[in-house]
Amino acid sequence: MVQAYILIQTEVGKASTVAEVIAGIDGVIHAEDVTGPYDVIVRAQAETVDDLGRLVVAKVQRVDGITRTLTCPVVHL
């Protein structure tokens, strides 16, 4: 299982709506709107890195109101 944090920037005033929509996507563990340089932080998981990439590109990035994402895979050193 691969997990990652997805840091999301949204259009002004869209953070809570984006977080709510993303929370309903299969593979998303948590989606919360926050303050700071990013508007929403998501924790997601998938079986493989490729599956995680598909989750981000095919599902998360298609949510209306998102302007930019940054995916940070979790590593266990």
PDB file of N, CA and C in Angstrom:
ATOM      1  N   MET A   1       0.847  -1.173   0.000  1.00  0.00           N
ATOM      2  CA  MET A   1       0.000   0.000   0.000  1.00  0.00           C
ATOM      3  C   MET A   1       0.896   1.241   0.000  1.00  0.00           C
ATOM      4  N   VAL A   2       0.591   2.189  -0.863  1.00  0.00           N
ATOM      5  CA  VAL A   2       1.320   3.448  -0.978  1.00  0.00           C
ATOM      6  C   VAL A   2       0.407   4.564  -0.488  1.00  0.00           C
ATOM      7  N   GLN A   3       0.943   5.451   0.348  1.00  0.00           N
ATOM      8  CA  GLN A   3       0.176   6.601   0.829  1.00  0.00           C
ATOM      9  C   GLN A   3       0.906   7.880   0.458  1.00  0.00           C
ATOM     10  N   ALA A   4       0.139   8.968   0.348  1.00  0.00           N
ATOM     11  CA  ALA A   4       0.730  10.263   0.026  1.00  0.00           C
ATOM     12  C   ALA A   4      -0.135  11.371   0.591  1.00  0.00           C
ATOM     13  N   TYR A   5       0.508  12.507   0.816  1.00  0.00           N
ATOM     14  CA  TYR A   5      -0.204  13.743   1.102  1.00  0.00           C
ATOM     15  C   TYR A   5      -0.310  14.501  -0.208  1.00  0.00           C
ATOM     16  N   ILE A   6      -1.480  15.040  -0.483  1.00  0.00           N
ATOM     17  CA  ILE A   6      -1.681  15.855  -1.675  1.00  0.00           C
ATOM     18  C   ILE A   6      -2.011  17.259  -1.190  1.00  0.00           C
ATOM     19  N   LEU A   7      -1.131  18.204  -1.521  1.00  0.00           N
ATOM     20  CA  LEU A   7      -1.307  19.593  -1.130  1.00  0.00           C
ATOM     21  C   LEU A   7      -1.988  20.312  -2.285  1.00  0.00           C
ATOM     22  N   ILE A   8      -3.075  21.000  -1.992  1.00  0.00           N
ATOM     23  CA  ILE A   8      -3.916  21.546  -3.057  1.00  0.00           C
ATOM     24  C   ILE A   8      -4.123  23.044  -2.878  1.00  0.00           C
ATOM     25  N   GLN A   9      -3.964  23.773  -3.973  1.00  0.00           N
ATOM     26  CA  GLN A   9      -4.336  25.183  -4.023  1.00  0.00           C
ATOM     27  C   GLN A   9      -5.648  25.267  -4.797  1.00  0.00           C
ATOM     28  N   THR A  10      -6.548  26.138  -4.315  1.00  0.00           N
ATOM     29  CA  THR A  10      -7.861  26.262  -4.946  1.00  0.00           C
ATOM     30  C   THR A  10      -8.129  27.705  -5.340  1.00  0.00           C
ATOM     31  N   GLU A  11      -9.178  27.875  -6.096  1.00  0.00           N
ATOM     32  CA  GLU A  11      -9.671  29.221  -6.372  1.00  0.00           C
ATOM     33  C   GLU A  11     -10.166  29.815  -5.057  1.00  0.00           C
ATOM     34  N   VAL A  12     -10.175  31.128  -4.970  1.00  0.00           N
ATOM     35  CA  VAL A  12     -10.605  31.821  -3.750  1.00  0.00           C
ATOM     36  C   VAL A  12     -12.032  31.400  -3.394  1.00  0.00           C
ATOM     37  N   GLY A  13     -12.208  31.028  -2.130  1.00  0.00           N
ATOM     38  CA  GLY A  13     -13.524  30.665  -1.623  1.00  0.00           C
ATOM     39  C   GLY A  13     -13.978  29.247  -1.931  1.00  0.00           C
ATOM     40  N   LYS A  14     -13.129  28.425  -2.537  1.00  0.00           N
ATOM     41  CA  LYS A  14     -13.534  27.076  -2.935  1.00  0.00           C
ATOM     42  C   LYS A  14     -12.968  25.974  -2.044  1.00  0.00           C
ATOM     43  N   ALA A  15     -12.139  26.294  -1.061  1.00  0.00           N
ATOM     44  CA  ALA A  15     -11.432  25.276  -0.287  1.00  0.00           C
ATOM     45  C   ALA A  15     -12.370  24.282   0.385  1.00  0.00           C
ATOM     46  N   SER A  16     -13.386  24.746   1.065  1.00  0.00           N
ATOM     47  CA  SER A  16     -14.245  23.805   1.791  1.00  0.00           C
ATOM     48  C   SER A  16     -15.036  22.920   0.842  1.00  0.00           C
ATOM     49  N   THR A  17     -15.477  23.457  -0.280  1.00  0.00           N
ATOM     50  CA  THR A  17     -16.203  22.655  -1.265  1.00  0.00           C
ATOM     51  C   THR A  17     -15.286  21.607  -1.880  1.00  0.00           C
ATOM     52  N   VAL A  18     -14.067  22.004  -2.232  1.00  0.00           N
ATOM     53  CA  VAL A  18     -13.093  21.071  -2.802  1.00  0.00           C
ATOM     54  C   VAL A  18     -12.799  19.946  -1.809  1.00  0.00           C
ATOM     55  N   ALA A  19     -12.553  20.289  -0.549  1.00  0.00           N
ATOM     56  CA  ALA A  19     -12.264  19.268   0.469  1.00  0.00           C
ATOM     57  C   ALA A  19     -13.429  18.301   0.622  1.00  0.00           C
ATOM     58  N   GLU A  20     -14.632  18.825   0.586  1.00  0.00           N
ATOM     59  CA  GLU A  20     -15.823  17.988   0.741  1.00  0.00           C
ATOM     60  C   GLU A  20     -15.964  17.007  -0.424  1.00  0.00           C
ATOM     61  N   VAL A  21     -15.758  17.485  -1.635  1.00  0.00           N
ATOM     62  CA  VAL A  21     -15.867  16.621  -2.810  1.00  0.00           C
ATOM     63  C   VAL A  21     -14.772  15.558  -2.802  1.00  0.00           C
ATOM     64  N   ILE A  22     -13.538  15.972  -2.510  1.00  0.00           N
ATOM     65  CA  ILE A  22     -12.413  15.035  -2.514  1.00  0.00           C
ATOM     66  C   ILE A  22     -12.567  13.980  -1.429  1.00  0.00           C
ATOM     67  N   ALA A  23     -13.139  14.331  -0.293  1.00  0.00           N
ATOM     68  CA  ALA A  23     -13.332  13.368   0.795  1.00  0.00           C
ATOM     69  C   ALA A  23     -14.167  12.173   0.350  1.00  0.00           C
ATOM     70  N   GLY A  24     -14.990  12.356  -0.671  1.00  0.00           N
ATOM     71  CA  GLY A  24     -15.840  11.281  -1.163  1.00  0.00           C
ATOM     72  C   GLY A  24     -15.196  10.388  -2.214  1.00  0.00           C
ATOM     73  N   ILE A  25     -13.960  10.690  -2.601  1.00  0.00           N
ATOM     74  CA  ILE A  25     -13.270   9.898  -3.617  1.00  0.00           C
ATOM     75  C   ILE A  25     -12.689   8.638  -2.976  1.00  0.00           C
ATOM     76  N   ASP A  26     -12.893   7.510  -3.638  1.00  0.00           N
ATOM     77  CA  ASP A  26     -12.349   6.240  -3.157  1.00  0.00           C
ATOM     78  C   ASP A  26     -10.824   6.307  -3.139  1.00  0.00           C
ATOM     79  N   GLY A  27     -10.225   5.958  -2.019  1.00  0.00           N
ATOM     80  CA  GLY A  27      -8.777   6.022  -1.847  1.00  0.00           C
ATOM     81  C   GLY A  27      -8.331   7.202  -1.004  1.00  0.00           C
ATOM     82  N   VAL A  28      -9.235   8.136  -0.755  1.00  0.00           N
ATOM     83  CA  VAL A  28      -8.913   9.293   0.085  1.00  0.00           C
ATOM     84  C   VAL A  28      -9.199   8.936   1.534  1.00  0.00           C
ATOM     85  N   ILE A  29      -8.199   9.121   2.391  1.00  0.00           N
ATOM     86  CA  ILE A  29      -8.329   8.822   3.815  1.00  0.00           C
ATOM     87  C   ILE A  29      -8.884  10.036   4.557  1.00  0.00           C
ATOM     88  N   HIS A  30      -8.301  11.199   4.302  1.00  0.00           N
ATOM     89  CA  HIS A  30      -8.722  12.466   4.922  1.00  0.00           C
ATOM     90  C   HIS A  30      -8.589  13.577   3.898  1.00  0.00           C
ATOM     91  N   ALA A  31      -9.464  14.563   3.990  1.00  0.00           N
ATOM     92  CA  ALA A  31      -9.358  15.776   3.180  1.00  0.00           C
ATOM     93  C   ALA A  31      -9.817  16.929   4.056  1.00  0.00           C
ATOM     94  N   GLU A  32      -8.911  17.856   4.332  1.00  0.00           N
ATOM     95  CA  GLU A  32      -9.236  18.969   5.226  1.00  0.00           C
ATOM     96  C   GLU A  32      -8.812  20.291   4.611  1.00  0.00           C
ATOM     97  N   ASP A  33      -9.670  21.305   4.788  1.00  0.00           N
ATOM     98  CA  ASP A  33      -9.271  22.640   4.358  1.00  0.00           C
ATOM     99  C   ASP A  33      -8.440  23.273   5.468  1.00  0.00           C
ATOM    100  N   VAL A  34      -7.382  23.960   5.058  1.00  0.00           N
ATOM    101  CA  VAL A  34      -6.409  24.523   5.992  1.00  0.00           C
ATOM    102  C   VAL A  34      -6.080  25.957   5.576  1.00  0.00           C
ATOM    103  N   THR A  35      -5.302  26.647   6.405  1.00  0.00           N
ATOM    104  CA  THR A  35      -4.809  27.966   6.033  1.00  0.00           C
ATOM    105  C   THR A  35      -3.323  27.867   5.712  1.00  0.00           C
ATOM    106  N   GLY A  36      -2.823  28.847   4.994  1.00  0.00           N
ATOM    107  CA  GLY A  36      -1.413  28.849   4.618  1.00  0.00           C
ATOM    108  C   GLY A  36      -1.272  28.838   3.115  1.00  0.00           C
ATOM    109  N   PRO A  37      -0.109  28.406   2.617  1.00  0.00           N
ATOM    110  CA  PRO A  37       0.116  28.443   1.171  1.00  0.00           C
ATOM    111  C   PRO A  37      -0.743  27.442   0.401  1.00  0.00           C
ATOM    112  N   TYR A  38      -1.251  26.422   1.081  1.00  0.00           N
ATOM    113  CA  TYR A  38      -2.160  25.463   0.459  1.00  0.00           C
ATOM    114  C   TYR A  38      -3.514  25.592   1.124  1.00  0.00           C
ATOM    115  N   ASP A  39      -4.559  25.248   0.390  1.00  0.00           N
ATOM    116  CA  ASP A  39      -5.923  25.427   0.875  1.00  0.00           C
ATOM    117  C   ASP A  39      -6.555  24.129   1.374  1.00  0.00           C
ATOM    118  N   VAL A  40      -6.109  23.008   0.830  1.00  0.00           N
ATOM    119  CA  VAL A  40      -6.636  21.699   1.220  1.00  0.00           C
ATOM    120  C   VAL A  40      -5.459  20.737   1.306  1.00  0.00           C
ATOM    121  N   ILE A  41      -5.454  19.899   2.333  1.00  0.00           N
ATOM    122  CA  ILE A  41      -4.464  18.830   2.442  1.00  0.00           C
ATOM    123  C   ILE A  41      -5.213  17.505   2.501  1.00  0.00           C
ATOM    124  N   VAL A  42      -4.776  16.581   1.648  1.00  0.00           N
ATOM    125  CA  VAL A  42      -5.436  15.286   1.507  1.00  0.00           C
ATOM    126  C   VAL A  42      -4.439  14.191   1.841  1.00  0.00           C
ATOM    127  N   ARG A  43      -4.893  13.156   2.524  1.00  0.00           N
ATOM    128  CA  ARG A  43      -4.090  11.937   2.692  1.00  0.00           C
ATOM    129  C   ARG A  43      -4.807  10.864   1.892  1.00  0.00           C
ATOM    130  N   ALA A  44      -4.076  10.242   0.978  1.00  0.00           N
ATOM    131  CA  ALA A  44      -4.673   9.241   0.096  1.00  0.00           C
ATOM    132  C   ALA A  44      -3.826   7.983   0.087  1.00  0.00           C
ATOM    133  N   GLN A  45      -4.429   6.884  -0.358  1.00  0.00           N
ATOM    134  CA  GLN A  45      -3.694   5.635  -0.463  1.00  0.00           C
ATOM    135  C   GLN A  45      -4.147   4.873  -1.699  1.00  0.00           C
ATOM    136  N   ALA A  46      -3.227   4.045  -2.203  1.00  0.00           N
ATOM    137  CA  ALA A  46      -3.515   3.192  -3.353  1.00  0.00           C
ATOM    138  C   ALA A  46      -2.612   1.970  -3.263  1.00  0.00           C
ATOM    139  N   GLU A  47      -2.902   0.975  -4.077  1.00  0.00           N
ATOM    140  CA  GLU A  47      -2.121  -0.259  -4.059  1.00  0.00           C
ATOM    141  C   GLU A  47      -0.696  -0.049  -4.560  1.00  0.00           C
ATOM    142  N   THR A  48      -0.525   0.752  -5.613  1.00  0.00           N
ATOM    143  CA  THR A  48       0.785   0.974  -6.210  1.00  0.00           C
ATOM    144  C   THR A  48       1.001   2.465  -6.466  1.00  0.00           C
ATOM    145  N   VAL A  49       2.226   2.832  -6.777  1.00  0.00           N
ATOM    146  CA  VAL A  49       2.532   4.223  -7.126  1.00  0.00           C
ATOM    147  C   VAL A  49       1.770   4.615  -8.388  1.00  0.00           C
ATOM    148  N   ASP A  50       1.678   3.710  -9.349  1.00  0.00           N
ATOM    149  CA  ASP A  50       0.928   3.999 -10.569  1.00  0.00           C
ATOM    150  C   ASP A  50      -0.547   4.251 -10.268  1.00  0.00           C
ATOM    151  N   ASP A  51      -1.125   3.434  -9.393  1.00  0.00           N
ATOM    152  CA  ASP A  51      -2.523   3.632  -8.996  1.00  0.00           C
ATOM    153  C   ASP A  51      -2.700   4.973  -8.288  1.00  0.00           C
ATOM    154  N   LEU A  52      -1.725   5.349  -7.464  1.00  0.00           N
ATOM    155  CA  LEU A  52      -1.777   6.636  -6.783  1.00  0.00           C
ATOM    156  C   LEU A  52      -1.744   7.775  -7.804  1.00  0.00           C
ATOM    157  N   GLY A  53      -0.876   7.651  -8.798  1.00  0.00           N
ATOM    158  CA  GLY A  53      -0.817   8.663  -9.854  1.00  0.00           C
ATOM    159  C   GLY A  53      -2.129   8.794 -10.593  1.00  0.00           C
ATOM    160  N   ARG A  54      -2.759   7.666 -10.896  1.00  0.00           N
ATOM    161  CA  ARG A  54      -4.057   7.700 -11.568  1.00  0.00           C
ATOM    162  C   ARG A  54      -5.114   8.344 -10.685  1.00  0.00           C
ATOM    163  N   LEU A  55      -5.077   8.063  -9.383  1.00  0.00           N
ATOM    164  CA  LEU A  55      -6.019   8.678  -8.449  1.00  0.00           C
ATOM    165  C   LEU A  55      -5.888  10.198  -8.481  1.00  0.00           C
ATOM    166  N   VAL A  56      -4.650  10.678  -8.444  1.00  0.00           N
ATOM    167  CA  VAL A  56      -4.422  12.125  -8.431  1.00  0.00           C
ATOM    168  C   VAL A  56      -4.844  12.760  -9.752  1.00  0.00           C
ATOM    169  N   VAL A  57      -4.380  12.198 -10.864  1.00  0.00           N
ATOM    170  CA  VAL A  57      -4.625  12.817 -12.166  1.00  0.00           C
ATOM    171  C   VAL A  57      -6.067  12.629 -12.643  1.00  0.00           C
ATOM    172  N   ALA A  58      -6.608  11.441 -12.500  1.00  0.00           N
ATOM    173  CA  ALA A  58      -7.929  11.145 -13.052  1.00  0.00           C
ATOM    174  C   ALA A  58      -9.083  11.554 -12.150  1.00  0.00           C
ATOM    175  N   LYS A  59      -8.831  11.647 -10.851  1.00  0.00           N
ATOM    176  CA  LYS A  59      -9.944  11.943  -9.950  1.00  0.00           C
ATOM    177  C   LYS A  59      -9.754  13.264  -9.201  1.00  0.00           C
ATOM    178  N   VAL A  60      -8.659  13.412  -8.476  1.00  0.00           N
ATOM    179  CA  VAL A  60      -8.471  14.595  -7.631  1.00  0.00           C
ATOM    180  C   VAL A  60      -8.337  15.858  -8.486  1.00  0.00           C
ATOM    181  N   GLN A  61      -7.456  15.848  -9.489  1.00  0.00           N
ATOM    182  CA  GLN A  61      -7.216  17.056 -10.265  1.00  0.00           C
ATOM    183  C   GLN A  61      -8.413  17.487 -11.106  1.00  0.00           C
ATOM    184  N   ARG A  62      -9.371  16.627 -11.275  1.00  0.00           N
ATOM    185  CA  ARG A  62     -10.562  16.975 -12.056  1.00  0.00           C
ATOM    186  C   ARG A  62     -11.646  17.673 -11.233  1.00  0.00           C
ATOM    187  N   VAL A  63     -11.436  17.782  -9.928  1.00  0.00           N
ATOM    188  CA  VAL A  63     -12.423  18.453  -9.073  1.00  0.00           C
ATOM    189  C   VAL A  63     -12.431  19.949  -9.405  1.00  0.00           C
ATOM    190  N   ASP A  64     -13.607  20.480  -9.613  1.00  0.00           N
ATOM    191  CA  ASP A  64     -13.767  21.897  -9.960  1.00  0.00           C
ATOM    192  C   ASP A  64     -13.251  22.790  -8.839  1.00  0.00           C
ATOM    193  N   GLY A  65     -12.466  23.797  -9.185  1.00  0.00           N
ATOM    194  CA  GLY A  65     -11.962  24.764  -8.219  1.00  0.00           C
ATOM    195  C   GLY A  65     -10.503  24.574  -7.866  1.00  0.00           C
ATOM    196  N   ILE A  66      -9.886  23.470  -8.291  1.00  0.00           N
ATOM    197  CA  ILE A  66      -8.473  23.226  -8.001  1.00  0.00           C
ATOM    198  C   ILE A  66      -7.612  23.942  -9.036  1.00  0.00           C
ATOM    199  N   THR A  67      -6.592  24.646  -8.565  1.00  0.00           N
ATOM    200  CA  THR A  67      -5.676  25.318  -9.475  1.00  0.00           C
ATOM    201  C   THR A  67      -4.311  24.640  -9.545  1.00  0.00           C
ATOM    202  N   ARG A  68      -3.896  23.947  -8.481  1.00  0.00           N
ATOM    203  CA  ARG A  68      -2.581  23.294  -8.466  1.00  0.00           C
ATOM    204  C   ARG A  68      -2.549  22.222  -7.389  1.00  0.00           C
ATOM    205  N   THR A  69      -1.803  21.133  -7.665  1.00  0.00           N
ATOM    206  CA  THR A  69      -1.596  20.096  -6.652  1.00  0.00           C
ATOM    207  C   THR A  69      -0.115  19.775  -6.546  1.00  0.00           C
ATOM    208  N   LEU A  70       0.272  19.295  -5.378  1.00  0.00           N
ATOM    209  CA  LEU A  70       1.618  18.800  -5.133  1.00  0.00           C
ATOM    210  C   LEU A  70       1.474  17.500  -4.355  1.00  0.00           C
ATOM    211  N   THR A  71       1.957  16.392  -4.926  1.00  0.00           N
ATOM    212  CA  THR A  71       1.812  15.084  -4.289  1.00  0.00           C
ATOM    213  C   THR A  71       3.100  14.712  -3.593  1.00  0.00           C
ATOM    214  N   CYS A  72       3.006  14.358  -2.316  1.00  0.00           N
ATOM    215  CA  CYS A  72       4.167  14.022  -1.480  1.00  0.00           C
ATOM    216  C   CYS A  72       3.990  12.591  -0.958  1.00  0.00           C
ATOM    217  N   PRO A  73       4.606  11.603  -1.621  1.00  0.00           N
ATOM    218  CA  PRO A  73       4.478  10.221  -1.159  1.00  0.00           C
ATOM    219  C   PRO A  73       5.102  10.041   0.239  1.00  0.00           C
ATOM    220  N   VAL A  74       4.466   9.218   1.044  1.00  0.00           N
ATOM    221  CA  VAL A  74       4.978   8.896   2.372  1.00  0.00           C
ATOM    222  C   VAL A  74       6.045   7.824   2.225  1.00  0.00           C
ATOM    223  N   VAL A  75       7.194   8.028   2.872  1.00  0.00           N
ATOM    224  CA  VAL A  75       8.270   7.032   2.853  1.00  0.00           C
ATOM    225  C   VAL A  75       8.534   6.569   4.278  1.00  0.00           C
ATOM    226  N   HIS A  76       8.954   5.336   4.398  1.00  0.00           N
ATOM    227  CA  HIS A  76       9.301   4.770   5.701  1.00  0.00           C
ATOM    228  C   HIS A  76      10.774   4.404   5.655  1.00  0.00           C
ATOM    229  N   LEU A  77      11.621   5.237   6.261  1.00  0.00           N
ATOM    230  CA  LEU A  77      13.067   5.035   6.215  1.00  0.00           C
ATOM    231  C   LEU A  77      13.551   4.201   7.374  1.00  0.00           C
TER     232      LEU A  77
END
